[in-house]
């Protein structure tokens, strides 16, 4: 649990200081999903897709979005 809290803080900070980095938004979304926050994770996945992600991040974000619904 401590690691998840740390990861949440780190990726929240990274997305705030690097708002155009799709990879940071994607990883922030993954931490949010682990914590059960599907609504915010969905927003972050959509943010990742809007930031011109790499093909890998795009694929992974789309896959996770389809699971959330």
PDB file of N, CA and C in Angstrom:
ATOM      1  N   UNK A   1       0.824  -1.191   0.000  1.00  0.00           N
ATOM      2  CA  UNK A   1       0.000   0.000   0.000  1.00  0.00           C
ATOM      3  C   UNK A   1       0.867   1.252   0.000  1.00  0.00           C
ATOM      4  N   UNK A   2       1.935   1.217   0.732  1.00  0.00           N
ATOM      5  CA  UNK A   2       2.825   2.370   0.799  1.00  0.00           C
ATOM      6  C   UNK A   2       3.392   2.694  -0.584  1.00  0.00           C
ATOM      7  N   UNK A   3       3.748   1.635  -1.335  1.00  0.00           N
ATOM      8  CA  UNK A   3       4.289   1.839  -2.681  1.00  0.00           C
ATOM      9  C   UNK A   3       3.254   2.502  -3.582  1.00  0.00           C
ATOM     10  N   UNK A   4       2.007   2.062  -3.493  1.00  0.00           N
ATOM     11  CA  UNK A   4       0.952   2.630  -4.331  1.00  0.00           C
ATOM     12  C   UNK A   4       0.759   4.105  -4.017  1.00  0.00           C
ATOM     13  N   UNK A   5       0.816   4.474  -2.763  1.00  0.00           N
ATOM     14  CA  UNK A   5       0.679   5.873  -2.368  1.00  0.00           C
ATOM     15  C   UNK A   5       1.846   6.690  -2.930  1.00  0.00           C
ATOM     16  N   UNK A   6       3.044   6.131  -2.831  1.00  0.00           N
ATOM     17  CA  UNK A   6       4.229   6.802  -3.361  1.00  0.00           C
ATOM     18  C   UNK A   6       4.105   6.963  -4.878  1.00  0.00           C
ATOM     19  N   UNK A   7       3.708   5.894  -5.570  1.00  0.00           N
ATOM     20  CA  UNK A   7       3.566   5.938  -7.024  1.00  0.00           C
ATOM     21  C   UNK A   7       2.506   6.951  -7.443  1.00  0.00           C
ATOM     22  N   UNK A   8       1.431   7.022  -6.694  1.00  0.00           N
ATOM     23  CA  UNK A   8       0.372   7.987  -6.984  1.00  0.00           C
ATOM     24  C   UNK A   8       0.921   9.411  -6.902  1.00  0.00           C
ATOM     25  N   UNK A   9       1.671   9.698  -5.866  1.00  0.00           N
ATOM     26  CA  UNK A   9       2.257  11.037  -5.708  1.00  0.00           C
ATOM     27  C   UNK A   9       3.250  11.340  -6.817  1.00  0.00           C
ATOM     28  N   UNK A  10       4.085  10.372  -7.140  1.00  0.00           N
ATOM     29  CA  UNK A  10       5.104  10.577  -8.165  1.00  0.00           C
ATOM     30  C   UNK A  10       4.462  10.855  -9.524  1.00  0.00           C
ATOM     31  N   UNK A  11       3.534  10.012  -9.939  1.00  0.00           N
ATOM     32  CA  UNK A  11       2.940  10.195 -11.262  1.00  0.00           C
ATOM     33  C   UNK A  11       2.000  11.393 -11.325  1.00  0.00           C
ATOM     34  N   UNK A  12       1.356  11.732 -10.219  1.00  0.00           N
ATOM     35  CA  UNK A  12       0.559  12.963 -10.203  1.00  0.00           C
ATOM     36  C   UNK A  12       1.486  14.161 -10.432  1.00  0.00           C
ATOM     37  N   UNK A  13       2.599  14.166  -9.729  1.00  0.00           N
ATOM     38  CA  UNK A  13       3.565  15.255  -9.896  1.00  0.00           C
ATOM     39  C   UNK A  13       4.143  15.315 -11.300  1.00  0.00           C
ATOM     40  N   UNK A  14       4.455  14.151 -11.853  1.00  0.00           N
ATOM     41  CA  UNK A  14       5.011  14.115 -13.202  1.00  0.00           C
ATOM     42  C   UNK A  14       4.018  14.627 -14.247  1.00  0.00           C
ATOM     43  N   UNK A  15       2.740  14.279 -14.087  1.00  0.00           N
ATOM     44  CA  UNK A  15       1.758  14.764 -15.055  1.00  0.00           C
ATOM     45  C   UNK A  15       1.522  16.263 -14.902  1.00  0.00           C
ATOM     46  N   UNK A  16       1.680  16.776 -13.682  1.00  0.00           N
ATOM     47  CA  UNK A  16       1.518  18.221 -13.473  1.00  0.00           C
ATOM     48  C   UNK A  16       2.686  19.006 -14.054  1.00  0.00           C
ATOM     49  N   UNK A  17       3.899  18.482 -13.909  1.00  0.00           N
ATOM     50  CA  UNK A  17       5.073  19.204 -14.403  1.00  0.00           C
ATOM     51  C   UNK A  17       5.376  18.905 -15.868  1.00  0.00           C
ATOM     52  N   UNK A  18       4.812  17.818 -16.393  1.00  0.00           N
ATOM     53  CA  UNK A  18       5.013  17.425 -17.793  1.00  0.00           C
ATOM     54  C   UNK A  18       3.653  17.088 -18.412  1.00  0.00           C
ATOM     55  N   UNK A  19       2.772  18.074 -18.540  1.00  0.00           N
ATOM     56  CA  UNK A  19       1.392  17.788 -18.952  1.00  0.00           C
ATOM     57  C   UNK A  19       1.245  17.207 -20.358  1.00  0.00           C
ATOM     58  N   UNK A  20       2.259  17.329 -21.190  1.00  0.00           N
ATOM     59  CA  UNK A  20       2.166  16.812 -22.553  1.00  0.00           C
ATOM     60  C   UNK A  20       2.781  15.425 -22.725  1.00  0.00           C
ATOM     61  N   UNK A  21       3.207  14.806 -21.625  1.00  0.00           N
ATOM     62  CA  UNK A  21       3.849  13.498 -21.699  1.00  0.00           C
ATOM     63  C   UNK A  21       2.813  12.390 -21.557  1.00  0.00           C
ATOM     64  N   UNK A  22       2.492  11.755 -22.655  1.00  0.00           N
ATOM     65  CA  UNK A  22       1.468  10.705 -22.678  1.00  0.00           C
ATOM     66  C   UNK A  22       1.832   9.528 -21.774  1.00  0.00           C
ATOM     67  N   UNK A  23       3.089   9.180 -21.728  1.00  0.00           N
ATOM     68  CA  UNK A  23       3.523   8.038 -20.925  1.00  0.00           C
ATOM     69  C   UNK A  23       3.256   8.273 -19.449  1.00  0.00           C
ATOM     70  N   UNK A  24       3.515   9.479 -18.967  1.00  0.00           N
ATOM     71  CA  UNK A  24       3.252   9.780 -17.558  1.00  0.00           C
ATOM     72  C   UNK A  24       1.763   9.698 -17.256  1.00  0.00           C
ATOM     73  N   UNK A  25       0.920  10.198 -18.159  1.00  0.00           N
ATOM     74  CA  UNK A  25      -0.528  10.112 -17.953  1.00  0.00           C
ATOM     75  C   UNK A  25      -0.980   8.654 -17.933  1.00  0.00           C
ATOM     76  N   UNK A  26      -0.416   7.854 -18.815  1.00  0.00           N
ATOM     77  CA  UNK A  26      -0.777   6.429 -18.857  1.00  0.00           C
ATOM     78  C   UNK A  26      -0.412   5.744 -17.535  1.00  0.00           C
ATOM     79  N   UNK A  27       0.793   5.957 -17.053  1.00  0.00           N
ATOM     80  CA  UNK A  27       1.215   5.296 -15.821  1.00  0.00           C
ATOM     81  C   UNK A  27       0.445   5.818 -14.604  1.00  0.00           C
ATOM     82  N   UNK A  28       0.120   7.100 -14.616  1.00  0.00           N
ATOM     83  CA  UNK A  28      -0.725   7.650 -13.555  1.00  0.00           C
ATOM     84  C   UNK A  28      -2.075   6.933 -13.566  1.00  0.00           C
ATOM     85  N   UNK A  29      -2.619   6.719 -14.745  1.00  0.00           N
ATOM     86  CA  UNK A  29      -3.893   6.007 -14.871  1.00  0.00           C
ATOM     87  C   UNK A  29      -3.790   4.585 -14.322  1.00  0.00           C
ATOM     88  N   UNK A  30      -2.686   3.921 -14.578  1.00  0.00           N
ATOM     89  CA  UNK A  30      -2.525   2.550 -14.087  1.00  0.00           C
ATOM     90  C   UNK A  30      -2.495   2.514 -12.559  1.00  0.00           C
ATOM     91  N   UNK A  31      -1.849   3.479 -11.948  1.00  0.00           N
ATOM     92  CA  UNK A  31      -1.831   3.548 -10.484  1.00  0.00           C
ATOM     93  C   UNK A  31      -3.241   3.812  -9.964  1.00  0.00           C
ATOM     94  N   UNK A  32      -3.948   4.716 -10.620  1.00  0.00           N
ATOM     95  CA  UNK A  32      -5.326   5.021 -10.218  1.00  0.00           C
ATOM     96  C   UNK A  32      -6.212   3.777 -10.319  1.00  0.00           C
ATOM     97  N   UNK A  33      -6.035   3.005 -11.382  1.00  0.00           N
ATOM     98  CA  UNK A  33      -6.804   1.760 -11.516  1.00  0.00           C
ATOM     99  C   UNK A  33      -6.502   0.785 -10.382  1.00  0.00           C
ATOM    100  N   UNK A  34      -5.237   0.672 -10.028  1.00  0.00           N
ATOM    101  CA  UNK A  34      -4.846  -0.221  -8.927  1.00  0.00           C
ATOM    102  C   UNK A  34      -5.519   0.198  -7.626  1.00  0.00           C
ATOM    103  N   UNK A  35      -5.735   1.502  -7.481  1.00  0.00           N
ATOM    104  CA  UNK A  35      -6.368   2.034  -6.270  1.00  0.00           C
ATOM    105  C   UNK A  35      -7.892   2.015  -6.366  1.00  0.00           C
ATOM    106  N   UNK A  36      -8.423   1.630  -7.530  1.00  0.00           N
ATOM    107  CA  UNK A  36      -9.863   1.515  -7.682  1.00  0.00           C
ATOM    108  C   UNK A  36     -10.572   2.765  -8.169  1.00  0.00           C
ATOM    109  N   UNK A  37      -9.813   3.779  -8.581  1.00  0.00           N
ATOM    110  CA  UNK A  37     -10.410   5.036  -9.049  1.00  0.00           C
ATOM    111  C   UNK A  37     -10.576   4.987 -10.563  1.00  0.00           C
ATOM    112  N   UNK A  38     -11.609   4.293 -11.010  1.00  0.00           N
ATOM    113  CA  UNK A  38     -11.819   4.096 -12.446  1.00  0.00           C
ATOM    114  C   UNK A  38     -12.149   5.391 -13.176  1.00  0.00           C
ATOM    115  N   UNK A  39     -12.912   6.267 -12.549  1.00  0.00           N
ATOM    116  CA  UNK A  39     -13.308   7.518 -13.219  1.00  0.00           C
ATOM    117  C   UNK A  39     -12.092   8.393 -13.525  1.00  0.00           C
ATOM    118  N   UNK A  40     -11.226   8.563 -12.539  1.00  0.00           N
ATOM    119  CA  UNK A  40     -10.045   9.393 -12.771  1.00  0.00           C
ATOM    120  C   UNK A  40      -9.064   8.684 -13.702  1.00  0.00           C
ATOM    121  N   UNK A  41      -8.972   7.369 -13.594  1.00  0.00           N
ATOM    122  CA  UNK A  41      -8.100   6.608 -14.486  1.00  0.00           C
ATOM    123  C   UNK A  41      -8.554   6.778 -15.934  1.00  0.00           C
ATOM    124  N   UNK A  42      -9.864   6.733 -16.154  1.00  0.00           N
ATOM    125  CA  UNK A  42     -10.394   6.918 -17.507  1.00  0.00           C
ATOM    126  C   UNK A  42     -10.009   8.287 -18.048  1.00  0.00           C
ATOM    127  N   UNK A  43     -10.114   9.310 -17.220  1.00  0.00           N
ATOM    128  CA  UNK A  43      -9.718  10.659 -17.627  1.00  0.00           C
ATOM    129  C   UNK A  43      -8.244  10.702 -17.999  1.00  0.00           C
ATOM    130  N   UNK A  44      -7.406  10.073 -17.201  1.00  0.00           N
ATOM    131  CA  UNK A  44      -5.962  10.084 -17.476  1.00  0.00           C
ATOM    132  C   UNK A  44      -5.621   9.274 -18.724  1.00  0.00           C
ATOM    133  N   UNK A  45      -6.323   8.191 -18.963  1.00  0.00           N
ATOM    134  CA  UNK A  45      -6.100   7.436 -20.198  1.00  0.00           C
ATOM    135  C   UNK A  45      -6.501   8.265 -21.410  1.00  0.00           C
ATOM    136  N   UNK A  46      -7.600   8.991 -21.302  1.00  0.00           N
ATOM    137  CA  UNK A  46      -8.015   9.876 -22.390  1.00  0.00           C
ATOM    138  C   UNK A  46      -6.998  10.991 -22.584  1.00  0.00           C
ATOM    139  N   UNK A  47      -6.457  11.509 -21.491  1.00  0.00           N
ATOM    140  CA  UNK A  47      -5.399  12.517 -21.587  1.00  0.00           C
ATOM    141  C   UNK A  47      -4.180  11.952 -22.306  1.00  0.00           C
ATOM    142  N   UNK A  48      -3.808  10.726 -21.964  1.00  0.00           N
ATOM    143  CA  UNK A  48      -2.658  10.090 -22.607  1.00  0.00           C
ATOM    144  C   UNK A  48      -2.875   9.984 -24.112  1.00  0.00           C
ATOM    145  N   UNK A  49      -4.064   9.579 -24.510  1.00  0.00           N
ATOM    146  CA  UNK A  49      -4.355   9.427 -25.940  1.00  0.00           C
ATOM    147  C   UNK A  49      -4.369  10.767 -26.666  1.00  0.00           C
ATOM    148  N   UNK A  50      -4.683  11.823 -25.961  1.00  0.00           N
ATOM    149  CA  UNK A  50      -4.726  13.161 -26.571  1.00  0.00           C
ATOM    150  C   UNK A  50      -3.343  13.777 -26.733  1.00  0.00           C
ATOM    151  N   UNK A  51      -2.335  13.170 -26.130  1.00  0.00           N
ATOM    152  CA  UNK A  51      -0.975  13.739 -26.124  1.00  0.00           C
ATOM    153  C   UNK A  51      -0.041  13.114 -27.156  1.00  0.00           C
ATOM    154  N   UNK A  52      -0.581  12.542 -28.190  1.00  0.00           N
ATOM    155  CA  UNK A  52       0.220  11.915 -29.253  1.00  0.00           C
ATOM    156  C   UNK A  52       1.189  10.868 -28.683  1.00  0.00           C
ATOM    157  N   UNK A  53       0.643   9.818 -28.102  1.00  0.00           N
ATOM    158  CA  UNK A  53       1.493   8.789 -27.495  1.00  0.00           C
ATOM    159  C   UNK A  53       2.195   7.917 -28.531  1.00  0.00           C
ATOM    160  N   UNK A  54       3.183   7.188 -28.049  1.00  0.00           N
ATOM    161  CA  UNK A  54       3.825   6.180 -28.897  1.00  0.00           C
ATOM    162  C   UNK A  54       2.781   5.128 -29.241  1.00  0.00           C
ATOM    163  N   UNK A  55       3.078   4.319 -30.236  1.00  0.00           N
ATOM    164  CA  UNK A  55       2.151   3.254 -30.630  1.00  0.00           C
ATOM    165  C   UNK A  55       1.856   2.310 -29.464  1.00  0.00           C
ATOM    166  N   UNK A  56       2.888   2.001 -28.683  1.00  0.00           N
ATOM    167  CA  UNK A  56       2.714   1.086 -27.555  1.00  0.00           C
ATOM    168  C   UNK A  56       1.795   1.682 -26.489  1.00  0.00           C
ATOM    169  N   UNK A  57       2.034   2.933 -26.132  1.00  0.00           N
ATOM    170  CA  UNK A  57       1.193   3.579 -25.118  1.00  0.00           C
ATOM    171  C   UNK A  57      -0.226   3.741 -25.645  1.00  0.00           C
ATOM    172  N   UNK A  58      -0.371   4.087 -26.921  1.00  0.00           N
ATOM    173  CA  UNK A  58      -1.703   4.227 -27.506  1.00  0.00           C
ATOM    174  C   UNK A  58      -2.466   2.904 -27.401  1.00  0.00           C
ATOM    175  N   UNK A  59      -1.817   1.830 -27.807  1.00  0.00           N
ATOM    176  CA  UNK A  59      -2.444   0.502 -27.747  1.00  0.00           C
ATOM    177  C   UNK A  59      -2.836   0.141 -26.322  1.00  0.00           C
ATOM    178  N   UNK A  60      -1.908   0.324 -25.392  1.00  0.00           N
ATOM    179  CA  UNK A  60      -2.172  -0.050 -24.002  1.00  0.00           C
ATOM    180  C   UNK A  60      -3.284   0.813 -23.401  1.00  0.00           C
ATOM    181  N   UNK A  61      -3.278   2.102 -23.698  1.00  0.00           N
ATOM    182  CA  UNK A  61      -4.313   3.002 -23.177  1.00  0.00           C
ATOM    183  C   UNK A  61      -5.680   2.624 -23.744  1.00  0.00           C
ATOM    184  N   UNK A  62      -5.733   2.333 -25.015  1.00  0.00           N
ATOM    185  CA  UNK A  62      -7.005   1.942 -25.639  1.00  0.00           C
ATOM    186  C   UNK A  62      -7.516   0.623 -25.043  1.00  0.00           C
ATOM    187  N   UNK A  63      -6.599  -0.304 -24.806  1.00  0.00           N
ATOM    188  CA  UNK A  63      -6.971  -1.583 -24.198  1.00  0.00           C
ATOM    189  C   UNK A  63      -7.570  -1.369 -22.811  1.00  0.00           C
ATOM    190  N   UNK A  64      -6.913  -0.547 -22.022  1.00  0.00           N
ATOM    191  CA  UNK A  64      -7.407  -0.294 -20.666  1.00  0.00           C
ATOM    192  C   UNK A  64      -8.736   0.450 -20.695  1.00  0.00           C
ATOM    193  N   UNK A  65      -8.889   1.400 -21.607  1.00  0.00           N
ATOM    194  CA  UNK A  65     -10.166   2.116 -21.726  1.00  0.00           C
ATOM    195  C   UNK A  65     -11.301   1.161 -22.080  1.00  0.00           C
ATOM    196  N   UNK A  66     -11.017   0.199 -22.950  1.00  0.00           N
ATOM    197  CA  UNK A  66     -12.072  -0.750 -23.330  1.00  0.00           C
ATOM    198  C   UNK A  66     -12.485  -1.619 -22.133  1.00  0.00           C
ATOM    199  N   UNK A  67     -11.568  -1.871 -21.217  1.00  0.00           N
ATOM    200  CA  UNK A  67     -11.890  -2.652 -20.019  1.00  0.00           C
ATOM    201  C   UNK A  67     -12.750  -1.844 -19.035  1.00  0.00           C
ATOM    202  N   UNK A  68     -12.481  -0.537 -18.976  1.00  0.00           N
ATOM    203  CA  UNK A  68     -13.227   0.324 -18.068  1.00  0.00           C
ATOM    204  C   UNK A  68     -14.648   0.555 -18.579  1.00  0.00           C
ATOM    205  N   UNK A  69     -14.731   0.754 -19.892  1.00  0.00           N
ATOM    206  CA  UNK A  69     -16.039   0.979 -20.498  1.00  0.00           C
ATOM    207  C   UNK A  69     -16.418   2.419 -20.635  1.00  0.00           C
TER     208      UNK A  69
END
